[in-house]
């Protein structure tokens, strides 16, 4: 009886330790998203959008839908690689595994909206050459992915998620009212504007807000 009680107590203690570890991972997992990576991605997105606008205003050869897709996939690849590097370095400095239980939980939250947005956006570009709708879908689904982590991410990322969703919806209503969102529309101007204002400007604002935060521990984690 005594041995059974002791084993039960030990099991309860182990369960409590697992819960505490899980809560600690939840507390830091999305602080591990790098503000420097967000800044680099924001600067790249802003620069590409400005170049796209300048080429349109100069009446040079227009950017094709395939080129538009490859440009933004390239920016995504560079930013994601940098973010993974910084995240893994931060995990190593903390003495933790890069792919932890908390990381798996975060991936389960963000992958569905990111996959839906990515597939729909690429399909609109490849099959219908509609860059504007593709950009709006990317923006809204990215915002939803950030909001899906609200229970274990810092408020700064939750606010960023709401800004992406709000910006995407407002741009949708604005261009829909002007009749510019029909499926056959292959204009690159609105798409570059949408991507620059959101993936460019909003990421820069987020990164700057993290850097000037008065809490050093939040800055180092985010």
N, C-alpha and C. Protein backbone atom coordinates (compact mmCIF):
# COMPACT_ATOMS: atom_id res chain seq x y z
N UNK A 1 0.84 -1.21 0.00
CA UNK A 1 0.00 0.00 0.00
C UNK A 1 0.87 1.25 0.00
N UNK A 2 1.90 1.19 0.91
CA UNK A 2 2.81 2.33 0.99
C UNK A 2 3.61 2.50 -0.29
N UNK A 3 4.04 1.36 -0.88
CA UNK A 3 4.81 1.43 -2.13
C UNK A 3 3.95 1.97 -3.26
N UNK A 4 2.69 1.56 -3.31
CA UNK A 4 1.78 2.04 -4.35
C UNK A 4 1.54 3.54 -4.21
N UNK A 5 1.42 4.00 -2.98
CA UNK A 5 1.21 5.44 -2.74
C UNK A 5 2.45 6.23 -3.16
N UNK A 6 3.65 5.67 -2.85
CA UNK A 6 4.89 6.34 -3.22
C UNK A 6 5.03 6.46 -4.73
N UNK A 7 4.70 5.38 -5.46
CA UNK A 7 4.79 5.41 -6.91
C UNK A 7 3.79 6.42 -7.48
N UNK A 8 2.60 6.47 -6.89
CA UNK A 8 1.60 7.43 -7.36
C UNK A 8 2.06 8.86 -7.14
N UNK A 9 2.70 9.11 -5.98
CA UNK A 9 3.21 10.45 -5.69
C UNK A 9 4.32 10.85 -6.66
N UNK A 10 5.21 9.89 -6.96
CA UNK A 10 6.28 10.16 -7.91
C UNK A 10 5.72 10.47 -9.30
N UNK A 11 4.69 9.73 -9.70
CA UNK A 11 4.08 9.96 -11.01
C UNK A 11 3.42 11.34 -11.06
N UNK A 12 2.76 11.72 -9.96
CA UNK A 12 2.14 13.05 -9.89
C UNK A 12 3.21 14.14 -9.98
N UNK A 13 4.34 13.91 -9.32
CA UNK A 13 5.42 14.90 -9.38
C UNK A 13 5.96 15.04 -10.80
N UNK A 14 6.12 13.91 -11.48
CA UNK A 14 6.59 13.96 -12.87
C UNK A 14 5.59 14.68 -13.77
N UNK A 15 4.31 14.41 -13.55
CA UNK A 15 3.28 15.08 -14.34
C UNK A 15 3.32 16.59 -14.09
N UNK A 16 3.51 16.98 -12.84
CA UNK A 16 3.59 18.40 -12.51
C UNK A 16 4.79 19.06 -13.18
N UNK A 17 5.92 18.35 -13.20
CA UNK A 17 7.11 18.88 -13.87
C UNK A 17 6.88 19.06 -15.36
N UNK A 18 6.18 18.12 -15.98
CA UNK A 18 5.88 18.23 -17.42
C UNK A 18 4.98 19.43 -17.68
N UNK A 19 4.00 19.64 -16.79
CA UNK A 19 3.11 20.79 -16.95
C UNK A 19 3.88 22.09 -16.81
N UNK A 20 4.77 22.15 -15.79
CA UNK A 20 5.56 23.36 -15.59
C UNK A 20 6.46 23.63 -16.79
N UNK A 21 7.09 22.57 -17.31
CA UNK A 21 7.95 22.73 -18.48
C UNK A 21 7.16 23.21 -19.67
N UNK A 22 5.96 22.65 -19.85
CA UNK A 22 5.12 23.06 -20.97
C UNK A 22 4.73 24.53 -20.85
N UNK A 23 4.39 24.95 -19.63
CA UNK A 23 4.02 26.35 -19.42
C UNK A 23 5.20 27.28 -19.66
N UNK A 24 6.40 26.86 -19.25
CA UNK A 24 7.58 27.68 -19.50
C UNK A 24 7.86 27.80 -20.99
N UNK A 25 7.69 26.72 -21.73
CA UNK A 25 7.90 26.77 -23.18
C UNK A 25 6.87 27.69 -23.83
N UNK A 26 5.62 27.60 -23.34
CA UNK A 26 4.59 28.48 -23.89
C UNK A 26 4.93 29.94 -23.64
N UNK A 27 5.57 30.21 -22.52
CA UNK A 27 5.87 31.59 -22.18
C UNK A 27 6.93 32.19 -23.08
N UNK A 28 7.84 31.34 -23.66
CA UNK A 28 8.92 31.94 -24.44
C UNK A 28 8.89 31.57 -25.92
N UNK A 29 8.05 30.62 -26.32
CA UNK A 29 8.21 30.08 -27.67
C UNK A 29 8.06 31.15 -28.74
N UNK A 30 7.11 32.06 -28.60
CA UNK A 30 6.97 33.06 -29.64
C UNK A 30 7.70 34.35 -29.35
N UNK A 31 8.30 34.44 -28.19
CA UNK A 31 9.29 35.50 -28.00
C UNK A 31 10.55 35.18 -28.80
N UNK A 32 10.69 33.91 -29.17
CA UNK A 32 11.87 33.51 -29.93
C UNK A 32 11.80 33.95 -31.38
N UNK A 33 10.68 34.48 -31.85
CA UNK A 33 10.63 35.05 -33.20
C UNK A 33 11.49 36.31 -33.21
N UNK A 34 12.41 36.36 -34.10
CA UNK A 34 13.45 37.37 -34.08
C UNK A 34 12.99 38.71 -34.64
N UNK A 35 13.15 39.76 -33.84
CA UNK A 35 12.89 41.10 -34.34
C UNK A 35 13.87 41.49 -35.45
N UNK A 36 15.17 41.13 -35.35
CA UNK A 36 16.07 41.43 -36.47
C UNK A 36 15.62 40.79 -37.78
N UNK A 37 15.11 39.55 -37.71
CA UNK A 37 14.62 38.90 -38.93
C UNK A 37 13.40 39.64 -39.48
N UNK A 38 12.52 40.08 -38.59
CA UNK A 38 11.36 40.86 -39.03
C UNK A 38 11.81 42.16 -39.69
N UNK A 39 12.84 42.78 -39.12
CA UNK A 39 13.34 44.03 -39.69
C UNK A 39 13.94 43.80 -41.07
N UNK A 40 14.76 42.75 -41.21
CA UNK A 40 15.36 42.45 -42.51
C UNK A 40 14.27 42.16 -43.54
N UNK A 41 13.30 41.33 -43.17
CA UNK A 41 12.21 41.04 -44.09
C UNK A 41 11.42 42.28 -44.45
N UNK A 42 11.17 43.15 -43.47
CA UNK A 42 10.43 44.38 -43.73
C UNK A 42 11.17 45.31 -44.68
N UNK A 43 12.48 45.44 -44.46
CA UNK A 43 13.28 46.30 -45.34
C UNK A 43 13.31 45.75 -46.76
N UNK A 44 13.51 44.43 -46.89
CA UNK A 44 13.52 43.82 -48.22
C UNK A 44 12.18 44.00 -48.92
N UNK A 45 11.08 43.77 -48.20
CA UNK A 45 9.75 43.91 -48.80
C UNK A 45 9.48 45.35 -49.23
N UNK A 46 9.88 46.29 -48.39
CA UNK A 46 9.68 47.70 -48.73
C UNK A 46 10.50 48.09 -49.95
N UNK A 47 11.76 47.66 -49.97
CA UNK A 47 12.63 48.00 -51.09
C UNK A 47 12.11 47.42 -52.40
N UNK A 48 11.70 46.15 -52.37
CA UNK A 48 11.18 45.51 -53.58
C UNK A 48 9.91 46.21 -54.05
N UNK A 49 9.05 46.59 -53.13
CA UNK A 49 7.82 47.27 -53.51
C UNK A 49 8.11 48.62 -54.15
N UNK A 50 9.08 49.36 -53.59
CA UNK A 50 9.44 50.65 -54.17
C UNK A 50 10.04 50.49 -55.57
N UNK A 51 10.87 49.47 -55.74
CA UNK A 51 11.44 49.21 -57.07
C UNK A 51 10.34 48.84 -58.05
N UNK A 52 9.39 48.02 -57.60
CA UNK A 52 8.27 47.65 -58.46
C UNK A 52 7.46 48.85 -58.90
N UNK A 53 7.20 49.75 -57.97
CA UNK A 53 6.45 50.96 -58.31
C UNK A 53 7.24 51.86 -59.25
N UNK A 54 8.54 51.99 -59.01
CA UNK A 54 9.35 52.86 -59.87
C UNK A 54 9.41 52.33 -61.29
N UNK A 55 9.48 51.01 -61.45
CA UNK A 55 9.53 50.45 -62.80
C UNK A 55 8.20 50.65 -63.52
N UNK A 56 7.10 50.61 -62.76
CA UNK A 56 5.79 50.86 -63.38
C UNK A 56 5.64 52.31 -63.79
N UNK A 57 6.08 53.22 -62.90
CA UNK A 57 5.94 54.63 -63.21
C UNK A 57 6.84 55.05 -64.36
N UNK A 58 7.99 54.35 -64.50
CA UNK A 58 8.90 54.66 -65.60
C UNK A 58 8.47 54.00 -66.91
N UNK A 59 7.37 53.24 -66.86
CA UNK A 59 6.82 52.57 -68.04
C UNK A 59 7.83 51.60 -68.66
N UNK A 60 8.62 50.97 -67.78
CA UNK A 60 9.53 49.95 -68.28
C UNK A 60 8.76 48.64 -68.41
N UNK A 61 9.47 47.58 -68.79
CA UNK A 61 8.81 46.30 -68.95
C UNK A 61 8.16 45.87 -67.64
N UNK A 62 6.89 45.53 -67.73
CA UNK A 62 6.14 45.16 -66.53
C UNK A 62 6.63 43.83 -65.97
N UNK A 63 6.51 43.66 -64.67
CA UNK A 63 6.89 42.42 -64.02
C UNK A 63 5.80 41.38 -64.24
N UNK A 64 6.18 40.20 -64.68
CA UNK A 64 5.21 39.15 -64.96
C UNK A 64 4.73 38.51 -63.65
N UNK A 65 3.58 37.83 -63.67
CA UNK A 65 3.12 37.14 -62.46
C UNK A 65 4.13 36.14 -61.93
N UNK A 66 4.80 35.39 -62.82
CA UNK A 66 5.80 34.44 -62.36
C UNK A 66 6.97 35.14 -61.66
N UNK A 67 7.40 36.26 -62.22
CA UNK A 67 8.48 37.02 -61.59
C UNK A 67 8.05 37.56 -60.24
N UNK A 68 6.82 38.05 -60.16
CA UNK A 68 6.29 38.54 -58.90
C UNK A 68 6.32 37.43 -57.84
N UNK A 69 5.89 36.24 -58.22
CA UNK A 69 5.86 35.10 -57.30
C UNK A 69 7.27 34.74 -56.85
N UNK A 70 8.21 34.64 -57.78
CA UNK A 70 9.58 34.26 -57.43
C UNK A 70 10.24 35.31 -56.53
N UNK A 71 9.94 36.58 -56.76
CA UNK A 71 10.51 37.64 -55.93
C UNK A 71 10.08 37.48 -54.48
N UNK A 72 8.77 37.29 -54.28
CA UNK A 72 8.28 37.24 -52.90
C UNK A 72 8.60 35.91 -52.23
N UNK A 73 8.67 34.84 -53.00
CA UNK A 73 9.13 33.57 -52.41
C UNK A 73 10.60 33.67 -52.01
N UNK A 74 11.38 34.42 -52.77
CA UNK A 74 12.78 34.64 -52.42
C UNK A 74 12.93 35.42 -51.12
N UNK A 75 12.12 36.48 -50.97
CA UNK A 75 12.15 37.25 -49.73
C UNK A 75 11.74 36.38 -48.56
N UNK A 76 10.70 35.57 -48.76
CA UNK A 76 10.27 34.65 -47.71
C UNK A 76 11.39 33.70 -47.31
N UNK A 77 12.09 33.14 -48.30
CA UNK A 77 13.16 32.19 -48.02
C UNK A 77 14.28 32.83 -47.22
N UNK A 78 14.69 34.03 -47.61
CA UNK A 78 15.78 34.73 -46.92
C UNK A 78 15.38 35.04 -45.47
N UNK A 79 14.17 35.59 -45.31
CA UNK A 79 13.72 35.97 -43.97
C UNK A 79 13.52 34.75 -43.08
N UNK A 80 12.93 33.70 -43.63
CA UNK A 80 12.70 32.49 -42.84
C UNK A 80 14.02 31.85 -42.43
N UNK A 81 14.99 31.82 -43.34
CA UNK A 81 16.30 31.23 -43.01
C UNK A 81 16.98 32.01 -41.90
N UNK A 82 16.92 33.33 -41.97
CA UNK A 82 17.52 34.16 -40.93
C UNK A 82 16.81 33.94 -39.60
N UNK A 83 15.49 33.87 -39.64
CA UNK A 83 14.72 33.69 -38.41
C UNK A 83 15.03 32.33 -37.76
N UNK A 84 15.13 31.29 -38.59
CA UNK A 84 15.46 29.96 -38.05
C UNK A 84 16.85 29.97 -37.43
N UNK A 85 17.80 30.63 -38.09
CA UNK A 85 19.15 30.71 -37.53
C UNK A 85 19.16 31.41 -36.18
N UNK A 86 18.47 32.54 -36.09
CA UNK A 86 18.46 33.29 -34.83
C UNK A 86 17.70 32.53 -33.75
N UNK A 87 16.61 31.88 -34.15
CA UNK A 87 15.84 31.11 -33.19
C UNK A 87 16.64 29.93 -32.64
N UNK A 88 17.35 29.23 -33.53
CA UNK A 88 18.14 28.08 -33.08
C UNK A 88 19.30 28.53 -32.20
N UNK A 89 19.90 29.67 -32.52
CA UNK A 89 20.99 30.18 -31.69
C UNK A 89 20.49 30.55 -30.30
N UNK A 90 19.29 31.16 -30.25
CA UNK A 90 18.71 31.52 -28.97
C UNK A 90 18.39 30.29 -28.14
N UNK A 91 17.86 29.23 -28.79
CA UNK A 91 17.57 27.99 -28.08
C UNK A 91 18.85 27.35 -27.55
N UNK A 92 19.92 27.40 -28.34
CA UNK A 92 21.21 26.84 -27.91
C UNK A 92 21.75 27.59 -26.71
N UNK A 93 21.61 28.93 -26.72
CA UNK A 93 22.07 29.73 -25.60
C UNK A 93 21.29 29.43 -24.32
N UNK A 94 20.04 29.04 -24.47
CA UNK A 94 19.22 28.68 -23.31
C UNK A 94 19.43 27.23 -22.90
N UNK A 95 20.20 26.47 -23.67
CA UNK A 95 20.42 25.08 -23.37
C UNK A 95 19.21 24.20 -23.66
N UNK A 96 18.40 24.59 -24.64
CA UNK A 96 17.19 23.85 -24.98
C UNK A 96 17.27 23.31 -26.40
N UNK A 97 16.46 22.30 -26.67
CA UNK A 97 16.37 21.77 -28.02
C UNK A 97 15.66 22.77 -28.92
N UNK A 98 16.11 22.83 -30.16
CA UNK A 98 15.47 23.74 -31.12
C UNK A 98 14.04 23.30 -31.40
N UNK A 99 13.84 22.01 -31.69
CA UNK A 99 12.50 21.49 -31.94
C UNK A 99 11.97 20.91 -30.63
N UNK A 100 11.38 21.77 -29.82
CA UNK A 100 10.84 21.38 -28.52
C UNK A 100 9.35 21.08 -28.64
N UNK A 101 8.76 20.64 -27.54
CA UNK A 101 7.31 20.42 -27.53
C UNK A 101 6.57 21.72 -27.79
N UNK A 102 7.10 22.82 -27.24
CA UNK A 102 6.47 24.12 -27.49
C UNK A 102 6.53 24.53 -28.94
N UNK A 103 7.67 24.24 -29.60
CA UNK A 103 7.79 24.56 -31.01
C UNK A 103 6.80 23.76 -31.84
N UNK A 104 6.64 22.49 -31.50
CA UNK A 104 5.66 21.67 -32.22
C UNK A 104 4.25 22.23 -32.04
N UNK A 105 3.94 22.68 -30.83
CA UNK A 105 2.64 23.29 -30.57
C UNK A 105 2.44 24.54 -31.42
N UNK A 106 3.48 25.36 -31.52
CA UNK A 106 3.39 26.57 -32.33
C UNK A 106 3.20 26.25 -33.80
N UNK A 107 3.93 25.25 -34.30
CA UNK A 107 3.79 24.88 -35.70
C UNK A 107 2.40 24.35 -36.00
N UNK A 108 1.83 23.60 -35.06
CA UNK A 108 0.46 23.11 -35.26
C UNK A 108 -0.53 24.26 -35.35
N UNK A 109 -0.23 25.37 -34.67
CA UNK A 109 -1.14 26.51 -34.68
C UNK A 109 -1.01 27.33 -35.97
N UNK A 110 0.22 27.53 -36.44
CA UNK A 110 0.41 28.46 -37.56
C UNK A 110 0.36 27.80 -38.94
N UNK A 111 0.66 26.50 -39.01
CA UNK A 111 0.75 25.88 -40.33
C UNK A 111 -0.57 25.86 -41.11
N UNK A 112 -1.73 25.56 -40.47
CA UNK A 112 -2.97 25.55 -41.27
C UNK A 112 -3.26 26.86 -41.99
N UNK A 113 -3.29 28.04 -41.30
CA UNK A 113 -3.55 29.27 -42.05
C UNK A 113 -2.46 29.62 -43.05
N UNK A 114 -1.19 29.31 -42.71
CA UNK A 114 -0.12 29.60 -43.66
C UNK A 114 -0.22 28.72 -44.90
N UNK A 115 -0.56 27.44 -44.71
CA UNK A 115 -0.68 26.53 -45.86
C UNK A 115 -1.84 26.95 -46.75
N UNK A 116 -2.98 27.28 -46.13
CA UNK A 116 -4.15 27.71 -46.91
C UNK A 116 -3.83 28.98 -47.69
N UNK A 117 -3.26 29.97 -47.01
CA UNK A 117 -2.92 31.22 -47.69
C UNK A 117 -1.89 31.03 -48.79
N UNK A 118 -0.88 30.21 -48.52
CA UNK A 118 0.16 29.98 -49.52
C UNK A 118 -0.38 29.30 -50.76
N UNK A 119 -1.16 28.25 -50.57
CA UNK A 119 -1.69 27.50 -51.72
C UNK A 119 -2.67 28.35 -52.52
N UNK A 120 -3.58 29.03 -51.84
CA UNK A 120 -4.55 29.86 -52.57
C UNK A 120 -3.86 31.00 -53.30
N UNK A 121 -2.90 31.65 -52.64
CA UNK A 121 -2.21 32.77 -53.27
C UNK A 121 -1.40 32.33 -54.49
N UNK A 122 -0.65 31.26 -54.35
CA UNK A 122 0.14 30.76 -55.49
C UNK A 122 -0.78 30.32 -56.61
N UNK A 123 -1.90 29.67 -56.27
CA UNK A 123 -2.84 29.25 -57.30
C UNK A 123 -3.43 30.42 -58.07
N UNK A 124 -3.76 31.50 -57.35
CA UNK A 124 -4.29 32.69 -58.02
C UNK A 124 -3.26 33.30 -58.97
N UNK A 125 -2.00 33.26 -58.59
CA UNK A 125 -0.96 33.83 -59.46
C UNK A 125 -0.67 32.94 -60.65
N UNK A 126 -0.51 31.65 -60.41
CA UNK A 126 -0.11 30.73 -61.47
C UNK A 126 -1.24 30.52 -62.48
N UNK A 127 -2.46 30.32 -62.00
CA UNK A 127 -3.56 29.94 -62.88
C UNK A 127 -4.41 31.12 -63.36
N UNK A 128 -4.52 32.17 -62.54
CA UNK A 128 -5.38 33.30 -62.91
C UNK A 128 -4.62 34.60 -63.08
N UNK A 129 -3.32 34.61 -62.74
CA UNK A 129 -2.49 35.81 -62.84
C UNK A 129 -3.07 36.99 -62.06
N UNK A 130 -3.78 36.70 -60.97
CA UNK A 130 -4.36 37.76 -60.15
C UNK A 130 -3.45 38.00 -58.95
N UNK A 131 -2.59 39.00 -59.08
CA UNK A 131 -1.60 39.28 -58.04
C UNK A 131 -2.22 39.97 -56.83
N UNK A 132 -3.20 40.82 -57.06
CA UNK A 132 -3.78 41.59 -55.95
C UNK A 132 -4.53 40.69 -54.97
N UNK A 133 -5.40 39.83 -55.48
CA UNK A 133 -6.11 38.90 -54.60
C UNK A 133 -5.15 37.96 -53.88
N UNK A 134 -4.11 37.54 -54.59
CA UNK A 134 -3.12 36.66 -53.97
C UNK A 134 -2.44 37.36 -52.80
N UNK A 135 -2.04 38.62 -53.02
CA UNK A 135 -1.38 39.38 -51.95
C UNK A 135 -2.31 39.56 -50.75
N UNK A 136 -3.59 39.86 -51.00
CA UNK A 136 -4.54 40.05 -49.90
C UNK A 136 -4.75 38.77 -49.12
N UNK A 137 -4.79 37.64 -49.81
CA UNK A 137 -4.95 36.36 -49.11
C UNK A 137 -3.72 36.06 -48.27
N UNK A 138 -2.53 36.31 -48.82
CA UNK A 138 -1.31 36.12 -48.03
C UNK A 138 -1.34 36.97 -46.77
N UNK A 139 -1.74 38.22 -46.91
CA UNK A 139 -1.74 39.16 -45.78
C UNK A 139 -2.69 38.69 -44.69
N UNK A 140 -3.92 38.37 -45.05
CA UNK A 140 -4.93 37.99 -44.06
C UNK A 140 -4.56 36.66 -43.40
N UNK A 141 -4.12 35.69 -44.18
CA UNK A 141 -3.78 34.38 -43.61
C UNK A 141 -2.54 34.45 -42.72
N UNK A 142 -1.60 35.31 -43.06
CA UNK A 142 -0.44 35.50 -42.19
C UNK A 142 -0.88 36.11 -40.86
N UNK A 143 -1.78 37.09 -40.93
CA UNK A 143 -2.31 37.67 -39.70
C UNK A 143 -3.04 36.64 -38.86
N UNK A 144 -3.83 35.78 -39.50
CA UNK A 144 -4.55 34.73 -38.77
C UNK A 144 -3.58 33.73 -38.14
N UNK A 145 -2.47 33.46 -38.82
CA UNK A 145 -1.46 32.56 -38.25
C UNK A 145 -0.87 33.14 -36.98
N UNK A 146 -0.58 34.44 -36.98
CA UNK A 146 -0.08 35.08 -35.77
C UNK A 146 -1.12 35.05 -34.65
N UNK A 147 -2.37 35.30 -34.99
CA UNK A 147 -3.43 35.29 -33.98
C UNK A 147 -3.66 33.90 -33.41
N UNK A 148 -3.35 32.87 -34.20
CA UNK A 148 -3.52 31.50 -33.71
C UNK A 148 -2.57 31.18 -32.57
N UNK A 149 -1.54 32.00 -32.38
CA UNK A 149 -0.58 31.79 -31.30
C UNK A 149 -0.84 32.70 -30.10
N UNK A 150 -2.01 33.32 -30.06
CA UNK A 150 -2.27 34.35 -29.05
C UNK A 150 -2.15 33.83 -27.62
N UNK A 151 -2.44 32.56 -27.39
CA UNK A 151 -2.41 32.04 -26.03
C UNK A 151 -0.99 31.82 -25.50
N UNK A 152 0.02 31.85 -26.38
CA UNK A 152 1.38 31.62 -25.91
C UNK A 152 2.39 32.53 -26.61
N UNK A 153 1.96 33.69 -27.05
CA UNK A 153 2.88 34.62 -27.70
C UNK A 153 2.79 35.99 -27.03
N UNK A 154 3.83 36.81 -27.16
CA UNK A 154 3.78 38.16 -26.58
C UNK A 154 2.73 39.02 -27.26
N UNK A 155 2.26 40.03 -26.52
CA UNK A 155 1.20 40.89 -27.06
C UNK A 155 1.63 41.61 -28.33
N UNK A 156 2.93 41.87 -28.48
CA UNK A 156 3.40 42.57 -29.67
C UNK A 156 3.07 41.78 -30.94
N UNK A 157 3.21 40.44 -30.88
CA UNK A 157 2.90 39.63 -32.06
C UNK A 157 1.41 39.51 -32.28
N UNK A 158 0.63 39.51 -31.20
CA UNK A 158 -0.83 39.48 -31.35
C UNK A 158 -1.30 40.77 -32.02
N UNK A 159 -0.74 41.89 -31.58
CA UNK A 159 -1.09 43.17 -32.21
C UNK A 159 -0.69 43.17 -33.69
N UNK A 160 0.48 42.62 -33.98
CA UNK A 160 0.91 42.54 -35.38
C UNK A 160 -0.07 41.71 -36.19
N UNK A 161 -0.53 40.61 -35.62
CA UNK A 161 -1.51 39.79 -36.31
C UNK A 161 -2.79 40.55 -36.62
N UNK A 162 -3.29 41.30 -35.62
CA UNK A 162 -4.50 42.09 -35.86
C UNK A 162 -4.28 43.17 -36.91
N UNK A 163 -3.09 43.77 -36.94
CA UNK A 163 -2.81 44.80 -37.94
C UNK A 163 -2.80 44.21 -39.34
N UNK A 164 -2.24 43.00 -39.49
CA UNK A 164 -2.24 42.35 -40.81
C UNK A 164 -3.67 42.03 -41.25
N UNK A 165 -4.47 41.47 -40.36
CA UNK A 165 -5.85 41.13 -40.71
C UNK A 165 -6.63 42.40 -41.07
N UNK A 166 -6.51 43.44 -40.25
CA UNK A 166 -7.24 44.68 -40.50
C UNK A 166 -6.80 45.32 -41.82
N UNK A 167 -5.48 45.35 -42.06
CA UNK A 167 -4.98 45.95 -43.29
C UNK A 167 -5.47 45.18 -44.51
N UNK A 168 -5.42 43.86 -44.44
CA UNK A 168 -5.88 43.05 -45.57
C UNK A 168 -7.35 43.26 -45.87
N UNK A 169 -8.17 43.30 -44.83
CA UNK A 169 -9.61 43.49 -45.04
C UNK A 169 -9.92 44.89 -45.56
N UNK A 170 -9.25 45.90 -45.03
CA UNK A 170 -9.50 47.27 -45.50
C UNK A 170 -9.08 47.45 -46.96
N UNK A 171 -7.93 46.89 -47.30
CA UNK A 171 -7.50 46.98 -48.71
C UNK A 171 -8.46 46.21 -49.62
N UNK A 172 -8.97 45.09 -49.15
CA UNK A 172 -9.94 44.33 -49.94
C UNK A 172 -11.17 45.18 -50.22
N UNK A 173 -11.75 45.78 -49.19
CA UNK A 173 -12.95 46.58 -49.40
C UNK A 173 -12.68 47.80 -50.27
N UNK A 174 -11.49 48.41 -50.11
CA UNK A 174 -11.15 49.58 -50.90
C UNK A 174 -11.07 49.24 -52.38
N UNK A 175 -10.34 48.17 -52.72
CA UNK A 175 -10.19 47.82 -54.13
C UNK A 175 -11.44 47.15 -54.69
N UNK A 176 -12.19 46.45 -53.84
CA UNK A 176 -13.45 45.87 -54.32
C UNK A 176 -14.43 46.96 -54.70
N UNK A 177 -14.47 48.04 -53.91
CA UNK A 177 -15.36 49.16 -54.22
C UNK A 177 -14.97 49.86 -55.52
N UNK A 178 -13.69 49.80 -55.86
CA UNK A 178 -13.21 50.41 -57.10
C UNK A 178 -13.29 49.45 -58.29
N UNK A 179 -13.75 48.24 -58.04
CA UNK A 179 -13.89 47.26 -59.12
C UNK A 179 -12.58 46.71 -59.63
N UNK A 180 -11.56 46.63 -58.76
CA UNK A 180 -10.23 46.19 -59.20
C UNK A 180 -9.91 44.76 -58.77
N UNK A 181 -10.89 44.03 -58.25
CA UNK A 181 -10.59 42.70 -57.73
C UNK A 181 -11.22 41.59 -58.56
N UNK A 182 -11.60 41.86 -59.79
CA UNK A 182 -12.11 40.79 -60.64
C UNK A 182 -10.99 39.81 -60.95
N UNK A 183 -11.34 38.56 -61.20
CA UNK A 183 -10.34 37.49 -61.30
C UNK A 183 -9.36 37.69 -62.45
N UNK A 184 -9.77 38.41 -63.47
CA UNK A 184 -8.89 38.57 -64.64
C UNK A 184 -7.89 39.71 -64.48
N UNK A 185 -7.91 40.39 -63.34
CA UNK A 185 -7.03 41.54 -63.14
C UNK A 185 -5.61 41.07 -62.86
N UNK A 186 -4.66 41.40 -63.73
CA UNK A 186 -3.26 40.99 -63.57
C UNK A 186 -2.36 42.17 -63.24
N UNK A 187 -2.93 43.28 -62.75
CA UNK A 187 -2.13 44.46 -62.44
C UNK A 187 -1.19 44.19 -61.27
N UNK A 188 0.04 44.68 -61.40
CA UNK A 188 1.03 44.47 -60.33
C UNK A 188 1.08 45.62 -59.33
N UNK A 189 0.58 46.79 -59.71
CA UNK A 189 0.67 47.96 -58.84
C UNK A 189 0.02 47.76 -57.47
N UNK A 190 -1.29 47.42 -57.41
CA UNK A 190 -1.92 47.21 -56.10
C UNK A 190 -1.27 46.10 -55.29
N UNK A 191 -0.80 45.05 -55.95
CA UNK A 191 -0.17 43.95 -55.23
C UNK A 191 1.12 44.40 -54.56
N UNK A 192 1.96 45.15 -55.28
CA UNK A 192 3.18 45.67 -54.68
C UNK A 192 2.85 46.62 -53.52
N UNK A 193 1.81 47.44 -53.69
CA UNK A 193 1.41 48.35 -52.62
C UNK A 193 1.00 47.59 -51.37
N UNK A 194 0.17 46.56 -51.55
CA UNK A 194 -0.31 45.78 -50.41
C UNK A 194 0.84 45.09 -49.70
N UNK A 195 1.74 44.48 -50.45
CA UNK A 195 2.87 43.76 -49.84
C UNK A 195 3.83 44.72 -49.14
N UNK A 196 4.06 45.88 -49.75
CA UNK A 196 4.96 46.85 -49.13
C UNK A 196 4.41 47.44 -47.85
N UNK A 197 3.10 47.73 -47.83
CA UNK A 197 2.49 48.32 -46.64
C UNK A 197 2.41 47.34 -45.48
N UNK A 198 2.29 46.06 -45.77
CA UNK A 198 2.10 45.08 -44.71
C UNK A 198 3.39 44.32 -44.39
N UNK A 199 3.82 43.44 -45.29
CA UNK A 199 5.03 42.68 -45.02
C UNK A 199 6.26 43.58 -44.94
N UNK A 200 6.18 44.76 -45.53
CA UNK A 200 7.27 45.72 -45.41
C UNK A 200 7.12 46.62 -44.20
N UNK A 201 6.19 47.56 -44.26
CA UNK A 201 6.06 48.60 -43.24
C UNK A 201 5.67 48.03 -41.87
N UNK A 202 4.69 47.14 -41.82
CA UNK A 202 4.24 46.63 -40.53
C UNK A 202 5.33 45.83 -39.82
N UNK A 203 6.14 45.08 -40.59
CA UNK A 203 7.24 44.35 -39.96
C UNK A 203 8.30 45.30 -39.43
N UNK A 204 8.56 46.38 -40.14
CA UNK A 204 9.53 47.37 -39.66
C UNK A 204 9.03 48.02 -38.38
N UNK A 205 7.74 48.37 -38.35
CA UNK A 205 7.16 48.98 -37.15
C UNK A 205 7.26 48.02 -35.97
N UNK A 206 6.96 46.75 -36.22
CA UNK A 206 7.04 45.74 -35.16
C UNK A 206 8.46 45.64 -34.62
N UNK A 207 9.44 45.54 -35.51
CA UNK A 207 10.83 45.38 -35.09
C UNK A 207 11.31 46.60 -34.31
N UNK A 208 10.99 47.79 -34.79
CA UNK A 208 11.40 49.01 -34.09
C UNK A 208 10.76 49.07 -32.71
N UNK A 209 9.48 48.69 -32.61
CA UNK A 209 8.80 48.69 -31.32
C UNK A 209 9.47 47.75 -30.33
N UNK A 210 9.94 46.61 -30.81
CA UNK A 210 10.64 45.66 -29.94
C UNK A 210 11.98 46.24 -29.50
N UNK A 211 12.71 46.85 -30.44
CA UNK A 211 14.03 47.37 -30.12
C UNK A 211 13.98 48.51 -29.11
N UNK A 212 12.94 49.34 -29.16
CA UNK A 212 12.87 50.49 -28.25
C UNK A 212 12.08 50.17 -26.98
N UNK A 213 11.70 48.91 -26.82
CA UNK A 213 10.97 48.52 -25.62
C UNK A 213 11.82 48.80 -24.38
N UNK A 214 11.16 49.14 -23.30
CA UNK A 214 11.87 49.44 -22.04
C UNK A 214 12.22 48.18 -21.27
N UNK A 215 11.79 46.99 -21.77
CA UNK A 215 12.07 45.75 -21.07
C UNK A 215 13.17 45.00 -21.81
N UNK A 216 14.40 45.04 -21.35
CA UNK A 216 15.51 44.40 -22.07
C UNK A 216 15.30 42.91 -22.28
N UNK A 217 14.66 42.22 -21.31
CA UNK A 217 14.49 40.80 -21.46
C UNK A 217 13.55 40.47 -22.59
N UNK A 218 12.57 41.32 -22.86
CA UNK A 218 11.67 41.08 -23.98
C UNK A 218 12.38 41.30 -25.30
N UNK A 219 13.24 42.34 -25.33
CA UNK A 219 13.98 42.63 -26.55
C UNK A 219 14.89 41.46 -26.92
N UNK A 220 15.60 40.90 -25.93
CA UNK A 220 16.52 39.83 -26.23
C UNK A 220 15.80 38.57 -26.66
N UNK A 221 14.56 38.39 -26.18
CA UNK A 221 13.84 37.17 -26.53
C UNK A 221 13.13 37.28 -27.84
N UNK A 222 12.60 38.44 -28.14
CA UNK A 222 11.83 38.57 -29.36
C UNK A 222 12.75 38.81 -30.55
